[in-house]
Protein backbone atom coordinates (compact mmCIF):
# COMPACT_ATOMS: atom_id res chain seq x y z
CA UNK A 1 78.35 150.23 98.13
CA UNK A 2 78.55 146.80 96.44
CA UNK A 3 82.24 146.52 95.48
CA UNK A 4 81.50 143.86 92.85
CA UNK A 5 78.93 145.89 90.88
CA UNK A 6 79.53 149.49 92.00
CA UNK A 7 75.85 149.78 93.00
CA UNK A 8 74.65 151.03 96.36
CA UNK A 9 74.09 148.05 98.68
CA UNK A 10 70.58 147.81 100.19
CA UNK A 11 70.36 149.00 103.76
CA UNK A 12 69.83 146.52 106.55
CA UNK A 13 66.41 146.50 108.24
CA UNK A 14 65.95 146.81 112.00
CA UNK A 15 62.72 146.44 113.98
CA UNK A 16 62.87 148.51 117.20
CA UNK A 17 60.33 147.33 119.80
CA UNK A 18 59.63 149.38 122.94
CA UNK A 19 56.46 150.52 124.72
CA UNK A 20 58.06 153.90 125.48
CA UNK A 21 57.62 156.43 122.64
CA UNK A 22 60.67 158.42 123.78
CA UNK A 23 62.87 155.37 123.49
CA UNK A 24 61.45 154.61 120.04
CA UNK A 25 62.16 158.14 118.82
CA UNK A 26 65.68 158.15 120.28
CA UNK A 27 66.51 154.81 118.82
CA UNK A 28 65.19 155.66 115.37
CA UNK A 29 67.14 158.93 115.37
CA UNK A 30 70.36 157.12 116.32
CA UNK A 31 70.02 154.46 113.65
CA UNK A 32 68.18 155.89 110.68
CA UNK A 33 71.25 157.31 108.94
CA UNK A 34 72.61 153.80 108.53
CA UNK A 35 69.64 151.41 108.67
CA UNK A 36 66.00 151.14 107.69
CA UNK A 37 64.31 151.36 111.11
CA UNK A 38 60.71 150.38 111.85
CA UNK A 39 59.32 151.12 115.31
CA UNK A 40 56.76 148.94 117.09
CA UNK A 41 55.30 149.62 120.55
CA UNK A 42 54.49 146.05 121.63
CA UNK A 43 55.52 142.47 121.29
CA UNK A 44 52.17 141.58 119.72
CA UNK A 45 52.67 144.18 116.97
CA UNK A 46 56.17 142.79 116.32
CA UNK A 47 54.78 139.29 115.82
CA UNK A 48 52.12 140.68 113.48
CA UNK A 49 54.72 142.60 111.45
CA UNK A 50 56.87 139.48 111.15
CA UNK A 51 54.06 137.78 109.25
CA UNK A 52 54.84 140.12 106.32
CA UNK A 53 58.54 140.90 106.65
CA UNK A 54 61.65 139.47 108.30
CA UNK A 55 64.21 142.10 109.47
CA UNK A 56 67.96 141.71 109.68
CA UNK A 57 67.86 142.40 113.44
CA UNK A 58 65.39 143.12 116.27
CA UNK A 59 66.07 145.57 119.13
CA UNK A 60 63.69 144.37 121.83
CA UNK A 61 62.78 146.02 125.10
CA UNK A 62 62.51 143.62 128.03
CA UNK A 63 60.01 145.43 130.28
CA UNK A 64 56.77 145.78 128.32
CA UNK A 65 53.13 145.29 129.41
CA UNK A 66 51.03 142.31 128.28
CA UNK A 67 53.99 140.55 126.61
CA UNK A 68 57.51 141.17 127.89
CA UNK A 69 60.70 140.73 125.90
CA UNK A 70 61.42 137.26 127.26
CA UNK A 71 57.99 136.03 126.16
CA UNK A 72 58.48 137.62 122.73
CA UNK A 73 61.84 135.94 122.09
CA UNK A 74 60.38 132.58 123.17
CA UNK A 75 57.66 133.05 120.53
CA UNK A 76 60.30 133.95 117.92
CA UNK A 77 62.42 130.91 118.67
CA UNK A 78 59.36 128.63 118.58
CA UNK A 79 58.73 129.39 114.90
CA UNK A 80 61.01 128.03 112.19
CA UNK A 81 60.39 131.19 110.13
CA UNK A 82 61.57 133.61 112.84
CA UNK A 83 63.93 131.44 114.91
CA UNK A 84 67.03 132.74 113.13
CA UNK A 85 66.37 136.49 113.58
CA UNK A 86 69.14 138.02 115.73
CA UNK A 87 67.73 139.78 118.82
CA UNK A 88 69.41 142.38 121.03
CA UNK A 89 67.70 143.14 124.32
CA UNK A 90 67.33 146.77 125.45
CA UNK A 91 66.69 147.14 129.19
CA UNK A 92 67.11 149.44 132.12
CA UNK A 93 67.99 146.45 134.31
CA UNK A 94 71.70 145.93 134.70
CA UNK A 95 71.82 142.88 136.98
CA UNK A 96 73.63 139.74 135.81
CA UNK A 97 70.66 137.47 136.45
CA UNK A 98 68.42 139.25 133.94
CA UNK A 99 71.23 139.46 131.38
CA UNK A 100 71.95 135.74 131.73
CA UNK A 101 68.26 134.89 131.28
CA UNK A 102 68.10 136.92 128.08
CA UNK A 103 71.22 135.35 126.61
CA UNK A 104 70.01 131.90 127.61
CA UNK A 105 66.77 132.47 125.68
CA UNK A 106 68.79 133.20 122.52
CA UNK A 107 69.55 136.94 122.51
CA UNK A 108 72.89 137.87 120.94
CA UNK A 109 73.51 140.92 123.16
CA UNK A 110 72.16 142.85 126.12
CA UNK A 111 72.35 146.69 125.99
CA UNK A 112 71.56 148.86 129.00
CA UNK A 113 69.32 151.94 128.59
CA UNK A 114 69.89 154.81 128.25
CA UNK A 115 72.28 153.81 125.46
CA UNK A 116 75.06 155.71 123.76
CA UNK A 117 74.09 156.12 120.05
CA UNK A 118 77.67 155.60 118.73
CA UNK A 119 78.11 152.54 120.95
CA UNK A 120 74.71 151.18 119.88
CA UNK A 121 75.62 151.65 116.22
CA UNK A 122 78.96 149.94 116.64
CA UNK A 123 77.51 146.95 118.49
CA UNK A 124 74.76 146.54 115.90
CA UNK A 125 77.37 146.79 113.11
CA UNK A 126 79.49 144.07 114.71
CA UNK A 127 76.53 141.76 115.28
CA UNK A 128 75.21 142.22 111.75
CA UNK A 129 78.67 141.48 110.38
CA UNK A 130 78.82 138.32 112.48
CA UNK A 131 75.33 137.31 111.31
CA UNK A 132 76.29 138.03 107.70
CA UNK A 133 79.35 135.81 108.00
CA UNK A 134 77.28 133.18 109.74
CA UNK A 135 74.71 133.16 106.92
CA UNK A 136 77.47 133.04 104.35
CA UNK A 137 79.00 130.07 106.15
CA UNK A 138 75.60 128.36 106.31
CA UNK A 139 75.07 129.00 102.58
CA UNK A 140 78.53 127.64 101.81
CA UNK A 141 77.81 124.62 103.99
CA UNK A 142 74.51 124.02 102.18
CA UNK A 143 76.26 124.47 98.85
CA UNK A 144 79.02 122.07 99.84
CA UNK A 145 76.42 119.60 101.08
CA UNK A 146 74.55 119.92 97.80
CA UNK A 147 77.76 119.48 95.84
CA UNK A 148 78.66 116.49 98.00
CA UNK A 149 75.26 114.92 97.29
CA UNK A 150 75.69 115.61 93.58
CA UNK A 151 79.19 114.10 93.74
CA UNK A 152 77.89 111.05 95.58
CA UNK A 153 75.15 110.69 92.98
CA UNK A 154 77.72 111.09 90.22
CA UNK A 155 79.99 108.53 91.91
CA UNK A 156 77.05 106.13 92.25
CA UNK A 157 76.23 106.60 88.57
CA UNK A 158 79.89 106.23 87.66
CA UNK A 159 80.18 103.13 89.83
CA UNK A 160 77.13 101.73 88.09
CA UNK A 161 78.68 102.47 84.70
CA UNK A 162 81.96 100.84 85.78
CA UNK A 163 80.12 97.79 87.11
CA UNK A 164 78.10 97.53 83.90
CA UNK A 165 81.27 97.87 81.83
CA UNK A 166 82.99 95.28 84.01
CA UNK A 167 80.07 92.89 83.56
CA UNK A 168 80.25 93.42 79.83
CA UNK A 169 83.99 92.75 79.77
CA UNK A 170 83.63 89.67 81.98
CA UNK A 171 80.78 88.36 79.82
CA UNK A 172 82.90 88.92 76.71
CA UNK A 173 85.88 87.20 78.33
CA UNK A 174 83.73 84.25 79.39
CA UNK A 175 82.18 84.01 75.93
CA UNK A 176 85.59 84.02 74.26
CA UNK A 177 86.88 81.50 76.77
CA UNK A 178 83.90 79.21 76.19
CA UNK A 179 84.41 79.53 72.45
CA UNK A 180 88.06 78.53 72.75
CA UNK A 181 87.17 75.59 74.99
CA UNK A 182 84.47 74.50 72.55
CA UNK A 183 86.94 74.82 69.69
CA UNK A 184 89.34 72.46 71.47
CA UNK A 185 86.54 69.97 72.11
CA UNK A 186 85.28 70.20 68.53
CA UNK A 187 88.73 69.23 67.31
CA UNK A 188 89.15 66.51 69.93
CA UNK A 189 85.87 64.66 69.31
CA UNK A 190 87.01 61.69 71.38
CA UNK A 191 86.92 63.58 74.69
CA UNK A 192 83.60 65.41 74.45
CA UNK A 193 82.54 67.09 77.71
CA UNK A 194 86.01 66.65 79.20
CA UNK A 195 86.59 70.35 79.84
CA UNK A 196 83.30 70.87 81.66
CA UNK A 197 83.73 67.75 83.79
CA UNK A 198 87.33 68.49 84.82
CA UNK A 199 86.27 72.00 85.82
CA UNK A 200 83.61 70.51 88.11
CA UNK A 201 86.05 67.97 89.56
CA UNK A 202 88.52 70.76 90.26
CA UNK A 203 85.86 72.82 92.04
CA UNK A 204 84.98 69.87 94.27
CA UNK A 205 88.65 69.42 95.24
CA UNK A 206 89.09 73.14 95.95
CA UNK A 207 86.06 73.23 98.25
CA UNK A 208 87.32 70.22 100.18
CA UNK A 209 90.77 71.79 100.47
CA UNK A 210 89.17 74.90 101.93
CA UNK A 211 87.10 72.83 104.36
CA UNK A 212 90.10 70.84 105.60
CA UNK A 213 92.59 73.72 105.53
CA UNK A 214 95.01 71.81 103.30
CA UNK A 215 97.50 74.04 101.46
CA UNK A 216 95.51 76.88 103.08
CA UNK A 217 98.09 79.64 102.58
CA UNK A 218 98.40 79.05 98.85
CA UNK A 219 94.66 78.56 98.45
CA UNK A 220 93.97 81.91 100.16
CA UNK A 221 96.09 83.72 97.58
CA UNK A 222 94.00 82.52 94.62
CA UNK A 223 91.08 84.18 92.89
CA UNK A 224 88.76 81.18 92.76
CA UNK A 225 86.61 82.52 89.95
CA UNK A 226 89.64 83.06 87.72
CA UNK A 227 91.10 79.67 88.68
CA UNK A 228 87.94 77.80 87.68
CA UNK A 229 87.50 79.84 84.51
CA UNK A 230 91.11 79.40 83.43
CA UNK A 231 90.92 75.61 84.02
CA UNK A 232 88.94 75.44 80.78
CA UNK A 233 92.17 76.21 78.90
CA UNK A 234 94.19 73.32 80.29
CA UNK A 235 94.00 71.48 76.93
CA UNK A 236 94.14 74.58 74.71
CA UNK A 237 97.43 73.34 73.21
CA UNK A 238 95.51 70.59 71.38
CA UNK A 239 94.54 73.26 68.87
CA UNK A 240 98.08 72.87 67.47
CA UNK A 241 98.05 69.03 67.36
CA UNK A 242 97.34 67.34 64.01
CA UNK A 243 93.79 66.05 63.56
CA UNK A 244 95.13 62.68 62.38
CA UNK A 245 96.73 62.15 65.78
CA UNK A 246 94.15 63.95 67.93
CA UNK A 247 91.24 61.93 66.56
CA UNK A 248 92.94 58.62 65.76
CA UNK A 249 90.40 55.81 66.43
CA UNK A 250 92.82 53.57 68.25
CA UNK A 251 95.97 53.51 70.35
CA UNK A 252 98.73 55.95 69.42
CA UNK A 253 102.15 54.79 68.31
CA UNK A 254 105.09 55.88 70.49
CA UNK A 255 105.90 58.56 67.89
CA UNK A 256 102.30 59.81 67.84
CA UNK A 257 102.20 59.86 71.64
CA UNK A 258 105.32 62.04 71.68
CA UNK A 259 103.51 64.44 69.34
CA UNK A 260 100.38 64.62 71.44
CA UNK A 261 102.45 65.21 74.57
CA UNK A 262 103.48 68.49 72.97
CA UNK A 263 100.00 69.90 73.62
CA UNK A 264 101.29 70.99 77.04
CA UNK A 265 104.07 73.16 75.63
CA UNK A 266 101.81 74.24 72.77
CA UNK A 267 99.34 75.39 75.43
CA UNK A 268 102.02 77.52 77.04
CA UNK A 269 102.82 79.03 73.63
CA UNK A 270 99.16 79.87 72.92
CA UNK A 271 98.73 81.54 76.31
CA UNK A 272 101.97 83.50 75.87
CA UNK A 273 100.61 84.81 72.57
CA UNK A 274 97.42 85.91 74.32
CA UNK A 275 99.50 87.52 77.09
CA UNK A 276 101.19 89.80 74.55
CA UNK A 277 97.85 91.39 73.67
CA UNK A 278 96.31 92.00 77.12
CA UNK A 279 97.07 93.44 80.54
CA UNK A 280 95.07 90.64 82.21
CA UNK A 281 97.81 88.61 83.90
CA UNK A 282 96.36 86.67 86.85
CA UNK A 283 93.90 84.75 84.69
CA UNK A 284 96.60 83.87 82.18
CA UNK A 285 99.04 82.89 84.94
CA UNK A 286 96.55 80.30 86.19
CA UNK A 287 95.75 79.14 82.64
CA UNK A 288 99.43 78.69 81.80
CA UNK A 289 100.07 76.58 84.89
CA UNK A 290 97.11 74.33 84.04
CA UNK A 291 98.10 74.01 80.38
CA UNK A 292 101.80 73.28 80.91
CA UNK A 293 101.85 71.19 84.11
CA UNK A 294 98.71 69.03 84.24
CA UNK A 295 100.63 65.99 82.92
CA UNK A 296 103.51 66.23 85.39
CA UNK A 297 103.69 63.37 87.92
CA UNK A 298 104.54 63.40 91.62
CA UNK A 299 107.49 61.00 91.12
CA UNK A 300 109.00 63.09 88.27
CA UNK A 301 108.07 60.72 85.45
CA UNK A 302 105.56 63.10 83.83
CA UNK A 303 105.95 65.62 81.03
CA UNK A 304 106.91 68.09 79.61
CA UNK A 305 109.52 69.11 82.24
CA UNK A 306 109.71 66.02 84.48
CA UNK A 307 108.93 68.08 87.57
CA UNK A 308 108.78 66.21 90.86
CA UNK A 309 106.77 66.56 94.09
CA UNK A 310 105.99 70.10 95.17
CA UNK A 311 108.07 71.50 92.33
CA UNK A 312 104.91 70.85 90.35
CA UNK A 313 102.56 73.82 90.93
CA UNK A 314 99.57 72.94 93.09
CA UNK A 315 97.13 73.79 90.30
CA UNK A 316 98.93 71.32 88.04
CA UNK A 317 98.77 68.61 90.70
CA UNK A 318 95.04 69.17 91.17
CA UNK A 319 94.31 69.11 87.45
CA UNK A 320 96.44 65.98 87.03
CA UNK A 321 94.04 64.01 89.23
CA UNK A 322 90.90 65.55 87.72
CA UNK A 323 92.20 64.92 84.19
CA UNK A 324 93.11 61.26 84.83
CA UNK A 325 89.86 60.52 86.65
CA UNK A 326 87.88 61.83 83.71
CA UNK A 327 89.92 59.81 81.25
CA UNK A 328 89.33 56.66 83.33
CA UNK A 329 85.57 57.23 83.55
CA UNK A 330 85.14 58.03 79.83
CA UNK A 331 84.88 55.79 76.78
CA UNK A 332 87.77 55.86 74.35
CA UNK A 333 88.14 54.10 70.95
CA UNK A 334 90.66 51.76 72.54
CA UNK A 335 88.81 51.14 75.87
CA UNK A 336 85.51 51.27 77.68
CA UNK A 337 84.94 53.59 80.60
CA UNK A 338 86.12 52.19 83.94
CA UNK A 339 83.60 51.78 86.74
CA UNK A 340 83.65 54.05 89.76
CA UNK A 341 85.39 51.43 91.89
CA UNK A 342 88.02 50.68 89.24
CA UNK A 343 88.77 54.36 88.71
CA UNK A 344 89.11 54.96 92.46
CA UNK A 345 91.45 51.98 92.79
CA UNK A 346 93.73 53.32 90.04
CA UNK A 347 93.77 56.80 91.63
CA UNK A 348 94.66 55.32 95.03
CA UNK A 349 97.43 53.19 93.49
CA UNK A 350 98.82 56.35 91.90
CA UNK A 351 99.21 58.13 95.26
CA UNK A 352 102.86 59.07 95.74
CA UNK A 353 103.80 58.15 92.17
CA UNK A 354 101.41 59.85 89.75
CA UNK A 355 99.57 62.04 92.28
CA UNK A 356 100.23 64.20 95.32
CA UNK A 357 99.16 61.96 98.26
CA UNK A 358 97.41 64.88 99.99
CA UNK A 359 95.27 65.44 96.91
CA UNK A 360 94.42 61.73 96.68
CA UNK A 361 93.18 61.95 100.29
CA UNK A 362 91.03 64.93 99.26
CA UNK A 363 89.69 62.95 96.32
CA UNK A 364 88.61 60.07 98.58
CA UNK A 365 86.58 62.57 100.64
CA UNK A 366 84.73 63.88 97.59
CA UNK A 367 84.65 60.73 95.44
CA UNK A 368 80.83 60.53 95.68
CA UNK A 369 80.68 64.00 94.15
CA UNK A 370 83.13 62.95 91.42
CA UNK A 371 80.95 59.93 90.71
CA UNK A 372 77.83 62.09 90.46
CA UNK A 373 79.53 64.41 87.97
CA UNK A 374 80.73 61.50 85.85
CA UNK A 375 77.39 59.69 86.06
CA UNK A 376 75.57 62.72 84.71
CA UNK A 377 77.51 62.27 81.46
CA UNK A 378 77.53 58.46 81.32
CA UNK A 379 74.71 56.52 79.81
CA UNK A 380 74.55 53.83 82.48
CA UNK A 381 75.88 55.84 85.45
CA UNK A 382 78.15 52.91 86.35
């Protein structure tokens, strides 16, 4: 009885194969109250019957003419369709060698004739229960495998969705960042292209640092992509500087210079405001360092905090050199752009006073690259 539905469960099917009619009759009599039993008098007839129907179990005589039981089970195991049918050998031979051969070929049991009907029933019951559990386990394994594949497919799809969303967010962030940088440059018409050039100078210095292993421990802790992206905000504080000062066509008065110096602290204020509205911290940490410290000097004479030496964050020290180099190589209302040689001389003279000496040494290694970047924006490439 099927306990789940209350209906009578279908009876298991057994094929009994023996060339002796007496054995076939005895076996069918012993089993028919419990199982559907079909008798076959040869191995060839068994193989023919299996073309139409697969039983739950085969009782197979070993000693048969033309095709013995060992040859039959080899044929069963050779076919994918019949390889999984459980086979119990029935034989009058009781020696260990024959029993071992049968089990080696894939039989699940070896029963000696004449058999005891109750014992035969019990052994068949046990084997069918084992086979049932085995099939259930195989089905569960297949189901779990299928579910695993579905889960992997779902995870792949989900990963793709996450990656697409991440790309969208990054693209939006980069677009907003570029817009802010452009806004700064639109207000500060005197220094057009400054943000793009300083970003390229900074990248050249970072690559040389990596190559030489200078400040390696600190460099290894940075997310380079975020560092280079955030460098575009180093002058973001100029948004809060008056246009009359920012775009004055001439030298600033001491009072006006004090005002423009405030763009560093203004930059920190702008980034703090942004920080209040986002969970993105690493990017803003880098941006704040660039904005606030890129005018500090190695000897402590810079602004806004008068930091000295390695108290100045490394990003600030790097941007200080990139920022000054670009100013030297660019035209201003009050001066013409310096030549490559003149700019390099001023940078070298600033080693140990304005700039970190180690970074000046890096600059000298990549000065041809700096020159190429500057020349791309200069009319005469001097």
